[in-house]
Amino acid sequence: MLFYSGFYAGDRDRLVLLINDIDKLGEVYRKQVVEKERRYYRALTGIFSQLQDAGIMKPMPPAVAAYAFFGMVHYTCNWFQQDGKITAAELGAMFLEIFTKGVFVDASDKELN
């Protein structure tokens, strides 16, 4: 997770291509990109399934968690500035924190509804 989010935050052009312009690639390249996306998806859903089996992750469809992660990371191309106050590595660490622990100091003590 840390590598994936830091990598794409640090390479905006690649992320924009992945998200917005995949249909403009030739068939051979498009198939390669789609297969790579599928490998990432299978890897992440597999990890989430293992975490659930180990009792570490809450019960939820691994696909939902995977798409939530990808959505969080892939949207960075719309707002993240590589020359801004936060580095790609710092952003990756923040995404990992948000995704694994949430944004609240101690959410277990609070009702958020």
C-alpha atoms as a PDB file:
ATOM      1  CA  MET A   1       0.000   0.000   0.000  1.00  0.00           C
ATOM      2  CA  LEU A   2       2.717   2.421   0.979  1.00  0.00           C
ATOM      3  CA  PHE A   3       4.693   1.830  -2.197  1.00  0.00           C
ATOM      4  CA  TYR A   4       1.652   1.950  -4.476  1.00  0.00           C
ATOM      5  CA  SER A   5       0.295   5.214  -3.087  1.00  0.00           C
ATOM      6  CA  GLY A   6       3.714   6.886  -2.931  1.00  0.00           C
ATOM      7  CA  PHE A   7       4.575   5.724  -6.431  1.00  0.00           C
ATOM      8  CA  TYR A   8       1.460   7.106  -8.073  1.00  0.00           C
ATOM      9  CA  ALA A   9       1.524  10.335  -6.081  1.00  0.00           C
ATOM     10  CA  GLY A  10       5.065  10.852  -7.349  1.00  0.00           C
ATOM     11  CA  ASP A  11       4.227  10.111 -10.984  1.00  0.00           C
ATOM     12  CA  ARG A  12       1.178  12.181 -11.874  1.00  0.00           C
ATOM     13  CA  ASP A  13       1.516  11.643 -15.637  1.00  0.00           C
ATOM     14  CA  ARG A  14       1.434   7.867 -15.260  1.00  0.00           C
ATOM     15  CA  LEU A  15      -1.609   8.076 -13.006  1.00  0.00           C
ATOM     16  CA  VAL A  16      -3.486  10.406 -15.379  1.00  0.00           C
ATOM     17  CA  LEU A  17      -2.774   7.968 -18.208  1.00  0.00           C
ATOM     18  CA  LEU A  18      -3.956   5.038 -16.112  1.00  0.00           C
ATOM     19  CA  ILE A  19      -7.159   6.748 -15.029  1.00  0.00           C
ATOM     20  CA  ASN A  20      -8.181   8.970 -17.924  1.00  0.00           C
ATOM     21  CA  ASP A  21      -6.481   7.867 -21.118  1.00  0.00           C
ATOM     22  CA  ILE A  22      -6.361   4.085 -21.067  1.00  0.00           C
ATOM     23  CA  ASP A  23      -8.876   3.925 -23.919  1.00  0.00           C
ATOM     24  CA  LYS A  24      -6.453   5.898 -26.117  1.00  0.00           C
ATOM     25  CA  LEU A  25      -3.764   3.229 -25.882  1.00  0.00           C
ATOM     26  CA  GLY A  26      -3.335   0.702 -28.647  1.00  0.00           C
ATOM     27  CA  GLU A  27      -4.892  -2.690 -28.016  1.00  0.00           C
ATOM     28  CA  VAL A  28      -1.620  -4.415 -27.073  1.00  0.00           C
ATOM     29  CA  TYR A  29      -0.659  -1.764 -24.520  1.00  0.00           C
ATOM     30  CA  ARG A  30      -4.189  -1.456 -23.180  1.00  0.00           C
ATOM     31  CA  LYS A  31      -4.310  -5.206 -22.543  1.00  0.00           C
ATOM     32  CA  GLN A  32      -0.993  -4.993 -20.691  1.00  0.00           C
ATOM     33  CA  VAL A  33      -2.231  -2.160 -18.476  1.00  0.00           C
ATOM     34  CA  VAL A  34      -5.549  -3.880 -17.786  1.00  0.00           C
ATOM     35  CA  GLU A  35      -3.762  -7.111 -16.854  1.00  0.00           C
ATOM     36  CA  LYS A  36      -1.464  -5.210 -14.494  1.00  0.00           C
ATOM     37  CA  GLU A  37      -4.506  -3.538 -12.897  1.00  0.00           C
ATOM     38  CA  ARG A  38      -6.099  -6.959 -12.453  1.00  0.00           C
ATOM     39  CA  ARG A  39      -2.925  -8.301 -10.812  1.00  0.00           C
ATOM     40  CA  TYR A  40      -2.927  -5.393  -8.328  1.00  0.00           C
ATOM     41  CA  TYR A  41      -6.619  -5.972  -7.645  1.00  0.00           C
ATOM     42  CA  ARG A  42      -6.151  -9.719  -7.086  1.00  0.00           C
ATOM     43  CA  ALA A  43      -3.136  -9.108  -4.863  1.00  0.00           C
ATOM     44  CA  LEU A  44      -4.912  -6.535  -2.723  1.00  0.00           C
ATOM     45  CA  THR A  45      -8.152  -8.492  -2.374  1.00  0.00           C
ATOM     46  CA  GLY A  46      -6.068 -11.554  -1.520  1.00  0.00           C
ATOM     47  CA  ILE A  47      -4.236  -9.635   1.200  1.00  0.00           C
ATOM     48  CA  PHE A  48      -7.524  -8.357   2.596  1.00  0.00           C
ATOM     49  CA  SER A  49      -8.949 -11.888   2.624  1.00  0.00           C
ATOM     50  CA  GLN A  50      -5.893 -13.134   4.514  1.00  0.00           C
ATOM     51  CA  LEU A  51      -6.175 -10.287   7.020  1.00  0.00           C
ATOM     52  CA  GLN A  52      -9.826 -11.175   7.594  1.00  0.00           C
ATOM     53  CA  ASP A  53      -8.983 -14.854   8.024  1.00  0.00           C
ATOM     54  CA  ALA A  54      -6.380 -13.855  10.621  1.00  0.00           C
ATOM     55  CA  GLY A  55      -8.956 -11.735  12.460  1.00  0.00           C
ATOM     56  CA  ILE A  56      -7.016  -8.519  11.801  1.00  0.00           C
ATOM     57  CA  MET A  57      -9.451  -6.882   9.380  1.00  0.00           C
ATOM     58  CA  LYS A  58     -13.131  -6.234   9.904  1.00  0.00           C
ATOM     59  CA  PRO A  59     -15.516  -8.409   7.909  1.00  0.00           C
ATOM     60  CA  MET A  60     -16.377  -6.667   4.656  1.00  0.00           C
ATOM     61  CA  PRO A  61     -16.091  -7.614   1.013  1.00  0.00           C
ATOM     62  CA  PRO A  62     -12.389  -7.435   0.088  1.00  0.00           C
ATOM     63  CA  ALA A  63     -13.422  -5.918  -3.251  1.00  0.00           C
ATOM     64  CA  VAL A  64     -15.008  -2.929  -1.493  1.00  0.00           C
ATOM     65  CA  ALA A  65     -11.861  -2.313   0.542  1.00  0.00           C
ATOM     66  CA  ALA A  66      -9.679  -2.654  -2.565  1.00  0.00           C
ATOM     67  CA  TYR A  67     -11.745  -0.230  -4.625  1.00  0.00           C
ATOM     68  CA  ALA A  68     -11.806   2.227  -1.705  1.00  0.00           C
ATOM     69  CA  PHE A  69      -8.011   2.114  -1.575  1.00  0.00           C
ATOM     70  CA  PHE A  70      -7.592   2.475  -5.331  1.00  0.00           C
ATOM     71  CA  GLY A  71     -10.096   5.335  -5.397  1.00  0.00           C
ATOM     72  CA  MET A  72      -8.244   7.167  -2.649  1.00  0.00           C
ATOM     73  CA  VAL A  73      -4.893   6.784  -4.393  1.00  0.00           C
ATOM     74  CA  HIS A  74      -6.023   7.342  -7.967  1.00  0.00           C
ATOM     75  CA  TYR A  75      -7.797  10.612  -7.179  1.00  0.00           C
ATOM     76  CA  THR A  76      -4.505  12.223  -6.109  1.00  0.00           C
ATOM     77  CA  CYS A  77      -3.792  13.243  -9.700  1.00  0.00           C
ATOM     78  CA  ASN A  78      -6.552  15.825  -9.309  1.00  0.00           C
ATOM     79  CA  TRP A  79      -5.066  17.629  -6.316  1.00  0.00           C
ATOM     80  CA  PHE A  80      -1.582  16.453  -5.255  1.00  0.00           C
ATOM     81  CA  GLN A  81       1.284  18.796  -6.132  1.00  0.00           C
ATOM     82  CA  GLN A  82       4.701  17.141  -6.310  1.00  0.00           C
ATOM     83  CA  ASP A  83       6.369  20.434  -5.449  1.00  0.00           C
ATOM     84  CA  GLY A  84       3.933  21.132  -2.597  1.00  0.00           C
ATOM     85  CA  LYS A  85       4.308  20.926   1.169  1.00  0.00           C
ATOM     86  CA  ILE A  86       3.878  17.129   1.315  1.00  0.00           C
ATOM     87  CA  THR A  87       6.207  14.693  -0.460  1.00  0.00           C
ATOM     88  CA  ALA A  88       4.938  11.612  -2.269  1.00  0.00           C
ATOM     89  CA  ALA A  89       6.480   9.418   0.448  1.00  0.00           C
ATOM     90  CA  GLU A  90       4.756  11.424   3.197  1.00  0.00           C
ATOM     91  CA  LEU A  91       1.461  11.194   1.338  1.00  0.00           C
ATOM     92  CA  GLY A  92       1.888   7.434   1.022  1.00  0.00           C
ATOM     93  CA  ALA A  93       2.452   7.172   4.781  1.00  0.00           C
ATOM     94  CA  MET A  94      -0.628   9.320   5.446  1.00  0.00           C
ATOM     95  CA  PHE A  95      -2.765   7.188   3.128  1.00  0.00           C
ATOM     96  CA  LEU A  96      -1.579   4.052   4.909  1.00  0.00           C
ATOM     97  CA  GLU A  97      -2.473   5.613   8.270  1.00  0.00           C
ATOM     98  CA  ILE A  98      -5.898   6.736   7.039  1.00  0.00           C
ATOM     99  CA  PHE A  99      -6.663   3.407   5.420  1.00  0.00           C
ATOM    100  CA  THR A 100      -5.500   1.196   8.281  1.00  0.00           C
ATOM    101  CA  LYS A 101      -6.356   3.314  11.323  1.00  0.00           C
ATOM    102  CA  GLY A 102      -8.750   6.010  10.131  1.00  0.00           C
ATOM    103  CA  VAL A 103      -8.599   9.741  10.708  1.00  0.00           C
ATOM    104  CA  PHE A 104      -9.976  10.019  14.233  1.00  0.00           C
ATOM    105  CA  VAL A 105      -7.778  10.084  17.318  1.00  0.00           C
ATOM    106  CA  ASP A 106      -9.714   7.295  19.031  1.00  0.00           C
ATOM    107  CA  ALA A 107     -12.803   6.419  17.054  1.00  0.00           C
ATOM    108  CA  SER A 108     -13.669   3.559  19.409  1.00  0.00           C
ATOM    109  CA  ASP A 109     -14.753   6.056  22.087  1.00  0.00           C
ATOM    110  CA  LYS A 110     -17.007   8.097  19.862  1.00  0.00           C
ATOM    111  CA  GLU A 111     -20.288   7.598  18.096  1.00  0.00           C
ATOM    112  CA  LEU A 112     -19.992   9.026  14.637  1.00  0.00           C
ATOM    113  CA  ASN A 113     -23.547   8.660  13.361  1.00  0.00           C
END
